PDB file of N, CA and C in Angstrom:
ATOM      1  N   MET A   1       3.768 -14.506 -18.710  1.00  0.00           N
ATOM      2  CA  MET A   1       4.810 -14.698 -19.697  1.00  0.00           C
ATOM      3  C   MET A   1       5.167 -13.373 -20.373  1.00  0.00           C
ATOM      4  N   PHE A   2       4.127 -12.586 -20.640  1.00  0.00           N
ATOM      5  CA  PHE A   2       4.377 -11.298 -21.293  1.00  0.00           C
ATOM      6  C   PHE A   2       5.228 -10.395 -20.405  1.00  0.00           C
ATOM      7  N   VAL A   3       4.865 -10.319 -19.142  1.00  0.00           N
ATOM      8  CA  VAL A   3       5.588  -9.447 -18.223  1.00  0.00           C
ATOM      9  C   VAL A   3       7.029  -9.938 -18.039  1.00  0.00           C
ATOM     10  N   GLY A   4       7.201 -11.250 -17.958  1.00  0.00           N
ATOM     11  CA  GLY A   4       8.546 -11.803 -17.826  1.00  0.00           C
ATOM     12  C   GLY A   4       9.405 -11.526 -19.043  1.00  0.00           C
ATOM     13  N   GLY A   5       8.845 -11.725 -20.225  1.00  0.00           N
ATOM     14  CA  GLY A   5       9.581 -11.452 -21.459  1.00  0.00           C
ATOM     15  C   GLY A   5       9.923  -9.982 -21.610  1.00  0.00           C
ATOM     16  N   LEU A   6       8.958  -9.132 -21.293  1.00  0.00           N
ATOM     17  CA  LEU A   6       9.195  -7.698 -21.390  1.00  0.00           C
ATOM     18  C   LEU A   6      10.228  -7.249 -20.357  1.00  0.00           C
ATOM     19  N   GLY A   7      10.153  -7.813 -19.156  1.00  0.00           N
ATOM     20  CA  GLY A   7      11.132  -7.482 -18.120  1.00  0.00           C
ATOM     21  C   GLY A   7      12.532  -7.911 -18.503  1.00  0.00           C
ATOM     22  N   ALA A   8      12.650  -9.109 -19.054  1.00  0.00           N
ATOM     23  CA  ALA A   8      13.966  -9.595 -19.483  1.00  0.00           C
ATOM     24  C   ALA A   8      14.517  -8.727 -20.607  1.00  0.00           C
ATOM     25  N   PHE A   9      13.670  -8.355 -21.555  1.00  0.00           N
ATOM     26  CA  PHE A   9      14.098  -7.513 -22.669  1.00  0.00           C
ATOM     27  C   PHE A   9      14.603  -6.171 -22.164  1.00  0.00           C
ATOM     28  N   THR A  10      13.850  -5.528 -21.281  1.00  0.00           N
ATOM     29  CA  THR A  10      14.265  -4.227 -20.766  1.00  0.00           C
ATOM     30  C   THR A  10      15.507  -4.347 -19.888  1.00  0.00           C
ATOM     31  N   ALA A  11      15.646  -5.455 -19.153  1.00  0.00           N
ATOM     32  CA  ALA A  11      16.835  -5.643 -18.321  1.00  0.00           C
ATOM     33  C   ALA A  11      18.088  -5.777 -19.185  1.00  0.00           C
ATOM     34  N   ILE A  12      17.999  -6.530 -20.274  1.00  0.00           N
ATOM     35  CA  ILE A  12      19.158  -6.703 -21.155  1.00  0.00           C
ATOM     36  C   ILE A  12      19.543  -5.367 -21.794  1.00  0.00           C
ATOM     37  N   ILE A  13      18.559  -4.631 -22.272  1.00  0.00           N
ATOM     38  CA  ILE A  13      18.833  -3.315 -22.861  1.00  0.00           C
ATOM     39  C   ILE A  13      19.361  -2.369 -21.790  1.00  0.00           C
ATOM     40  N   GLY A  14      18.777  -2.410 -20.586  1.00  0.00           N
ATOM     41  CA  GLY A  14      19.225  -1.543 -19.497  1.00  0.00           C
ATOM     42  C   GLY A  14      20.659  -1.812 -19.100  1.00  0.00           C
ATOM     43  N   ILE A  15      21.033  -3.072 -19.018  1.00  0.00           N
ATOM     44  CA  ILE A  15      22.414  -3.416 -18.678  1.00  0.00           C
ATOM     45  C   ILE A  15      23.363  -2.882 -19.746  1.00  0.00           C
ATOM     46  N   ASP A  16      22.975  -2.964 -20.997  1.00  0.00           N
ATOM     47  CA  ASP A  16      23.830  -2.461 -22.067  1.00  0.00           C
ATOM     48  C   ASP A  16      23.954  -0.940 -21.988  1.00  0.00           C
ATOM     49  N   ILE A  17      22.882  -0.264 -21.620  1.00  0.00           N
ATOM     50  CA  ILE A  17      22.917   1.202 -21.514  1.00  0.00           C
ATOM     51  C   ILE A  17      23.727   1.630 -20.291  1.00  0.00           C
ATOM     52  N   ILE A  18      23.559   0.934 -19.165  1.00  0.00           N
ATOM     53  CA  ILE A  18      24.285   1.287 -17.940  1.00  0.00           C
ATOM     54  C   ILE A  18      25.779   1.049 -18.117  1.00  0.00           C
ATOM     55  N   ASP A  19      26.149  -0.023 -18.789  1.00  0.00           N
ATOM     56  CA  ASP A  19      27.552  -0.373 -18.979  1.00  0.00           C
ATOM     57  C   ASP A  19      28.080   0.247 -20.270  1.00  0.00           C
ATOM     58  N   VAL A  20      27.918   1.559 -20.380  1.00  0.00           N
ATOM     59  CA  VAL A  20      28.244   2.272 -21.603  1.00  0.00           C
ATOM     60  C   VAL A  20      29.741   2.299 -21.884  1.00  0.00           C
ATOM     61  N   GLY A  21      30.571   2.162 -20.886  1.00  0.00           N
ATOM     62  CA  GLY A  21      32.014   2.254 -21.074  1.00  0.00           C
ATOM     63  C   GLY A  21      32.597   1.164 -21.949  1.00  0.00           C
ATOM     64  N   ARG A  22      31.871   0.060 -22.076  1.00  0.00           N
ATOM     65  CA  ARG A  22      32.362  -1.040 -22.924  1.00  0.00           C
ATOM     66  C   ARG A  22      32.236  -0.684 -24.389  1.00  0.00           C
ATOM     67  N   GLU A  23      33.112  -1.258 -25.165  1.00  0.00           N
ATOM     68  CA  GLU A  23      32.980  -1.094 -26.610  1.00  0.00           C
ATOM     69  C   GLU A  23      32.377  -2.358 -27.192  1.00  0.00           C
ATOM     70  N   GLY A  24      31.747  -2.251 -28.318  1.00  0.00           N
ATOM     71  CA  GLY A  24      31.224  -3.419 -28.996  1.00  0.00           C
ATOM     72  C   GLY A  24      29.712  -3.490 -29.039  1.00  0.00           C
ATOM     73  N   GLY A  25      29.039  -2.782 -28.156  1.00  0.00           N
ATOM     74  CA  GLY A  25      27.576  -2.766 -28.182  1.00  0.00           C
ATOM     75  C   GLY A  25      26.980  -4.110 -27.821  1.00  0.00           C
ATOM     76  N   ILE A  26      25.901  -4.454 -28.484  1.00  0.00           N
ATOM     77  CA  ILE A  26      25.177  -5.690 -28.203  1.00  0.00           C
ATOM     78  C   ILE A  26      25.835  -6.832 -28.984  1.00  0.00           C
ATOM     79  N   GLY A  27      26.304  -7.832 -28.261  1.00  0.00           N
ATOM     80  CA  GLY A  27      26.994  -8.954 -28.878  1.00  0.00           C
ATOM     81  C   GLY A  27      26.045 -10.071 -29.273  1.00  0.00           C
ATOM     82  N   PRO A  28      26.571 -11.146 -29.810  1.00  0.00           N
ATOM     83  CA  PRO A  28      25.746 -12.249 -30.284  1.00  0.00           C
ATOM     84  C   PRO A  28      24.925 -12.918 -29.176  1.00  0.00           C
ATOM     85  N   ALA A  29      25.510 -13.087 -28.005  1.00  0.00           N
ATOM     86  CA  ALA A  29      24.773 -13.709 -26.902  1.00  0.00           C
ATOM     87  C   ALA A  29      23.619 -12.820 -26.460  1.00  0.00           C
ATOM     88  N   GLN A  30      23.861 -11.514 -26.435  1.00  0.00           N
ATOM     89  CA  GLN A  30      22.786 -10.589 -26.077  1.00  0.00           C
ATOM     90  C   GLN A  30      21.704 -10.574 -27.147  1.00  0.00           C
ATOM     91  N   GLN A  31      22.076 -10.690 -28.396  1.00  0.00           N
ATOM     92  CA  GLN A  31      21.077 -10.717 -29.469  1.00  0.00           C
ATOM     93  C   GLN A  31      20.182 -11.939 -29.338  1.00  0.00           C
ATOM     94  N   ILE A  32      20.777 -13.077 -29.007  1.00  0.00           N
ATOM     95  CA  ILE A  32      19.986 -14.295 -28.819  1.00  0.00           C
ATOM     96  C   ILE A  32      19.048 -14.133 -27.628  1.00  0.00           C
ATOM     97  N   ALA A  33      19.578 -13.583 -26.529  1.00  0.00           N
ATOM     98  CA  ALA A  33      18.751 -13.378 -25.337  1.00  0.00           C
ATOM     99  C   ALA A  33      17.625 -12.388 -25.615  1.00  0.00           C
ATOM    100  N   LEU A  34      17.906 -11.333 -26.360  1.00  0.00           N
ATOM    101  CA  LEU A  34      16.861 -10.374 -26.717  1.00  0.00           C
ATOM    102  C   LEU A  34      15.786 -11.032 -27.581  1.00  0.00           C
ATOM    103  N   GLY A  35      16.205 -11.858 -28.518  1.00  0.00           N
ATOM    104  CA  GLY A  35      15.242 -12.560 -29.373  1.00  0.00           C
ATOM    105  C   GLY A  35      14.363 -13.507 -28.579  1.00  0.00           C
ATOM    106  N   LEU A  36      14.971 -14.240 -27.649  1.00  0.00           N
ATOM    107  CA  LEU A  36      14.190 -15.158 -26.817  1.00  0.00           C
ATOM    108  C   LEU A  36      13.233 -14.405 -25.896  1.00  0.00           C
ATOM    109  N   ALA A  37      13.685 -13.301 -25.329  1.00  0.00           N
ATOM    110  CA  ALA A  37      12.823 -12.503 -24.458  1.00  0.00           C
ATOM    111  C   ALA A  37      11.667 -11.911 -25.252  1.00  0.00           C
ATOM    112  N   LEU A  38      11.960 -11.431 -26.439  1.00  0.00           N
ATOM    113  CA  LEU A  38      10.902 -10.876 -27.289  1.00  0.00           C
ATOM    114  C   LEU A  38       9.922 -11.969 -27.711  1.00  0.00           C
ATOM    115  N   GLY A  39      10.439 -13.148 -28.039  1.00  0.00           N
ATOM    116  CA  GLY A  39       9.569 -14.274 -28.383  1.00  0.00           C
ATOM    117  C   GLY A  39       8.671 -14.674 -27.226  1.00  0.00           C
ATOM    118  N   LEU A  40       9.211 -14.684 -26.016  1.00  0.00           N
ATOM    119  CA  LEU A  40       8.413 -15.003 -24.833  1.00  0.00           C
ATOM    120  C   LEU A  40       7.312 -13.971 -24.629  1.00  0.00           C
ATOM    121  N   ALA A  41       7.627 -12.702 -24.836  1.00  0.00           N
ATOM    122  CA  ALA A  41       6.620 -11.653 -24.709  1.00  0.00           C
ATOM    123  C   ALA A  41       5.524 -11.809 -25.760  1.00  0.00           C
ATOM    124  N   VAL A  42       5.898 -12.153 -26.981  1.00  0.00           N
ATOM    125  CA  VAL A  42       4.904 -12.334 -28.052  1.00  0.00           C
ATOM    126  C   VAL A  42       3.980 -13.508 -27.740  1.00  0.00           C
ATOM    127  N   VAL A  43       4.551 -14.613 -27.257  1.00  0.00           N
ATOM    128  CA  VAL A  43       3.724 -15.764 -26.877  1.00  0.00           C
ATOM    129  C   VAL A  43       2.784 -15.372 -25.742  1.00  0.00           C
ATOM    130  N   GLY A  44       3.275 -14.598 -24.788  1.00  0.00           N
ATOM    131  CA  GLY A  44       2.433 -14.143 -23.688  1.00  0.00           C
ATOM    132  C   GLY A  44       1.285 -13.280 -24.170  1.00  0.00           C
ATOM    133  N   VAL A  45       1.541 -12.405 -25.130  1.00  0.00           N
ATOM    134  CA  VAL A  45       0.477 -11.546 -25.668  1.00  0.00           C
ATOM    135  C   VAL A  45      -0.574 -12.387 -26.386  1.00  0.00           C
ATOM    136  N   THR A  46      -0.154 -13.412 -27.107  1.00  0.00           N
ATOM    137  CA  THR A  46      -1.129 -14.238 -27.823  1.00  0.00           C
ATOM    138  C   THR A  46      -1.975 -15.067 -26.869  1.00  0.00           C
ATOM    139  N   LEU A  47      -1.509 -15.306 -25.652  1.00  0.00           N
ATOM    140  CA  LEU A  47      -2.281 -16.083 -24.684  1.00  0.00           C
ATOM    141  C   LEU A  47      -3.277 -15.239 -23.897  1.00  0.00           C
ATOM    142  N   ILE A  48      -3.131 -13.934 -23.899  1.00  0.00           N
ATOM    143  CA  ILE A  48      -4.012 -13.062 -23.123  1.00  0.00           C
ATOM    144  C   ILE A  48      -5.484 -13.230 -23.514  1.00  0.00           C
ATOM    145  N   PRO A  49      -5.845 -13.287 -24.809  1.00  0.00           N
ATOM    146  CA  PRO A  49      -7.258 -13.417 -25.156  1.00  0.00           C
ATOM    147  C   PRO A  49      -7.911 -14.719 -24.658  1.00  0.00           C
ATOM    148  N   LEU A  50      -7.122 -15.747 -24.358  1.00  0.00           N
ATOM    149  CA  LEU A  50      -7.680 -17.017 -23.900  1.00  0.00           C
ATOM    150  C   LEU A  50      -8.204 -16.924 -22.477  1.00  0.00           C
ATOM    151  N   GLY A  51      -7.721 -15.980 -21.724  1.00  0.00           N
ATOM    152  CA  GLY A  51      -8.192 -15.785 -20.357  1.00  0.00           C
ATOM    153  C   GLY A  51      -7.730 -16.896 -19.440  1.00  0.00           C
ATOM    154  N   ASP A  52      -8.593 -17.239 -18.500  1.00  0.00           N
ATOM    155  CA  ASP A  52      -8.268 -18.240 -17.480  1.00  0.00           C
ATOM    156  C   ASP A  52      -9.020 -19.547 -17.756  1.00  0.00           C
ATOM    157  N   ALA A  53      -9.213 -19.870 -19.016  1.00  0.00           N
ATOM    158  CA  ALA A  53      -9.936 -21.079 -19.381  1.00  0.00           C
ATOM    159  C   ALA A  53      -9.077 -22.308 -19.098  1.00  0.00           C
ATOM    160  N   PRO A  54      -9.661 -23.380 -18.548  1.00  0.00           N
ATOM    161  CA  PRO A  54      -8.886 -24.590 -18.308  1.00  0.00           C
ATOM    162  C   PRO A  54      -8.494 -25.286 -19.614  1.00  0.00           C
ATOM    163  N   ALA A  55      -7.427 -26.025 -19.571  1.00  0.00           N
ATOM    164  CA  ALA A  55      -6.934 -26.693 -20.776  1.00  0.00           C
ATOM    165  C   ALA A  55      -7.841 -27.840 -21.193  1.00  0.00           C
TER     166      ALA A  55
END
């Protein structure tokens, strides 16, 4: 989950940096996607200490 969230976050930022010709910067949809990706990464980090323990 951490790697997926971090990958999504960097992909969204990367797309914004690559598509520099556009005006407006990061829009509302991108802000929501960045927040969700960051939230997914945070949840993934909190699960790391649990290891591979069964539920």
